[in-house]
Structure formats: C-alpha cells, structure tokens
Amino acid sequence: MPVVVVYMWSGVSKEAKERVVKGITRVFEELGIPAQAVEVIIQEVPKENWGVSGELASEKFKEVKPP
C-alpha cells in the first residue's frame, strides 16, 4: 500500500486538493496498483514557515495566490 505525503503551502482550495489526490492515485493505478490501496496525506505549511533559496516563501512568492 503506497502512502504519499504531499507538503504544500496553506490555503489551497478543497477542489485543488481533490485534484492532487486523484492525480496521484491515477499514477499508481497506471502502475497496476488499485486505487483503494493508495493513501495520500496532505500537510499544509504556512509560507512563512517555508524557506526557498535563503528566503521565506512568504516574501519570495508573495504574488503567488493558492488555487
């Protein structure tokens, strides 16, 4: 049973999360693994708790809005 952990910034819509879960599950189904065996865990992290290239994501990507 595959377990996939996805870390993403907080604030992503429920609909976007559903697309992520369905997309990841579909990849495993294409490998022959039944959908009911696939688990996806989404961990939301605030942008101010995420660093990229020595900067806080909240500063580096302030113009990026979650879907």
C-alpha atoms as a PDB file:
ATOM      1  CA  MET A   1       0.000   0.000   0.000  1.00  0.00           C
ATOM      2  CA  PRO A   2       1.697   3.221  -1.132  1.00  0.00           C
ATOM      3  CA  VAL A   3       1.464   6.236   1.150  1.00  0.00           C
ATOM      4  CA  VAL A   4       2.334   9.566  -0.452  1.00  0.00           C
ATOM      5  CA  VAL A   5       2.917  12.654   1.704  1.00  0.00           C
ATOM      6  CA  VAL A   6       2.483  15.983  -0.075  1.00  0.00           C
ATOM      7  CA  TYR A   7       3.767  19.154   1.559  1.00  0.00           C
ATOM      8  CA  MET A   8       2.155  22.301   0.233  1.00  0.00           C
ATOM      9  CA  TRP A   9       1.547  25.856   1.297  1.00  0.00           C
ATOM     10  CA  SER A  10      -1.555  26.528   3.364  1.00  0.00           C
ATOM     11  CA  GLY A  11      -4.621  27.968   1.738  1.00  0.00           C
ATOM     12  CA  VAL A  12      -5.067  25.644  -1.242  1.00  0.00           C
ATOM     13  CA  SER A  13      -8.734  25.068  -2.040  1.00  0.00           C
ATOM     14  CA  LYS A  14     -10.510  21.803  -1.327  1.00  0.00           C
ATOM     15  CA  GLU A  15     -11.076  21.365  -5.062  1.00  0.00           C
ATOM     16  CA  ALA A  16      -7.343  21.704  -5.790  1.00  0.00           C
ATOM     17  CA  LYS A  17      -6.526  19.170  -3.052  1.00  0.00           C
ATOM     18  CA  GLU A  18      -9.038  16.748  -4.565  1.00  0.00           C
ATOM     19  CA  ARG A  19      -7.284  17.108  -7.953  1.00  0.00           C
ATOM     20  CA  VAL A  20      -3.923  16.393  -6.308  1.00  0.00           C
ATOM     21  CA  VAL A  21      -5.251  13.270  -4.567  1.00  0.00           C
ATOM     22  CA  LYS A  22      -6.984  11.992  -7.718  1.00  0.00           C
ATOM     23  CA  GLY A  23      -3.927  12.685  -9.878  1.00  0.00           C
ATOM     24  CA  ILE A  24      -1.522  10.885  -7.561  1.00  0.00           C
ATOM     25  CA  THR A  25      -3.922   7.960  -7.248  1.00  0.00           C
ATOM     26  CA  ARG A  26      -4.263   7.766 -11.041  1.00  0.00           C
ATOM     27  CA  VAL A  27      -0.469   7.443 -11.431  1.00  0.00           C
ATOM     28  CA  PHE A  28      -0.427   4.440  -9.121  1.00  0.00           C
ATOM     29  CA  GLU A  29      -3.437   2.909 -10.891  1.00  0.00           C
ATOM     30  CA  GLU A  30      -1.485   3.166 -14.157  1.00  0.00           C
ATOM     31  CA  LEU A  31       1.227   1.099 -12.451  1.00  0.00           C
ATOM     32  CA  GLY A  32      -1.328  -1.599 -11.629  1.00  0.00           C
ATOM     33  CA  ILE A  33      -1.966  -0.664  -8.002  1.00  0.00           C
ATOM     34  CA  PRO A  34      -5.664  -0.495  -7.066  1.00  0.00           C
ATOM     35  CA  ALA A  35      -6.975   2.922  -6.027  1.00  0.00           C
ATOM     36  CA  GLN A  36      -8.192   1.605  -2.677  1.00  0.00           C
ATOM     37  CA  ALA A  37      -4.582   0.758  -1.772  1.00  0.00           C
ATOM     38  CA  VAL A  38      -3.306   4.314  -2.321  1.00  0.00           C
ATOM     39  CA  GLU A  39      -3.196   6.801   0.545  1.00  0.00           C
ATOM     40  CA  VAL A  40      -2.353  10.482   0.105  1.00  0.00           C
ATOM     41  CA  ILE A  41      -1.633  12.728   3.088  1.00  0.00           C
ATOM     42  CA  ILE A  42      -1.552  16.482   2.555  1.00  0.00           C
ATOM     43  CA  GLN A  43       0.475  18.500   5.045  1.00  0.00           C
ATOM     44  CA  GLU A  44      -0.154  22.235   4.825  1.00  0.00           C
ATOM     45  CA  VAL A  45       2.700  24.524   5.798  1.00  0.00           C
ATOM     46  CA  PRO A  46       2.309  28.300   6.083  1.00  0.00           C
ATOM     47  CA  LYS A  47       4.500  30.170   3.586  1.00  0.00           C
ATOM     48  CA  GLU A  48       6.229  31.954   6.461  1.00  0.00           C
ATOM     49  CA  ASN A  49       7.432  28.537   7.712  1.00  0.00           C
ATOM     50  CA  TRP A  50       8.910  27.519   4.324  1.00  0.00           C
ATOM     51  CA  GLY A  51      12.294  28.645   3.035  1.00  0.00           C
ATOM     52  CA  VAL A  52      13.446  28.747  -0.600  1.00  0.00           C
ATOM     53  CA  SER A  53      16.901  29.893  -1.699  1.00  0.00           C
ATOM     54  CA  GLY A  54      17.599  31.522   1.654  1.00  0.00           C
ATOM     55  CA  GLU A  55      14.323  33.458   1.725  1.00  0.00           C
ATOM     56  CA  LEU A  56      10.962  32.890   3.321  1.00  0.00           C
ATOM     57  CA  ALA A  57       8.444  31.727   0.741  1.00  0.00           C
ATOM     58  CA  SER A  58       6.040  34.355   2.117  1.00  0.00           C
ATOM     59  CA  GLU A  59       8.436  37.029   0.813  1.00  0.00           C
ATOM     60  CA  LYS A  60       9.872  35.319  -2.249  1.00  0.00           C
ATOM     61  CA  PHE A  61       6.451  34.318  -3.594  1.00  0.00           C
ATOM     62  CA  LYS A  62       4.175  36.994  -2.134  1.00  0.00           C
ATOM     63  CA  GLU A  63       2.442  37.438  -5.514  1.00  0.00           C
ATOM     64  CA  VAL A  64       1.547  33.707  -5.734  1.00  0.00           C
ATOM     65  CA  LYS A  65      -2.008  33.010  -4.611  1.00  0.00           C
ATOM     66  CA  PRO A  66      -3.185  29.459  -3.837  1.00  0.00           C
ATOM     67  CA  PRO A  67      -5.665  27.887  -6.278  1.00  0.00           C
END
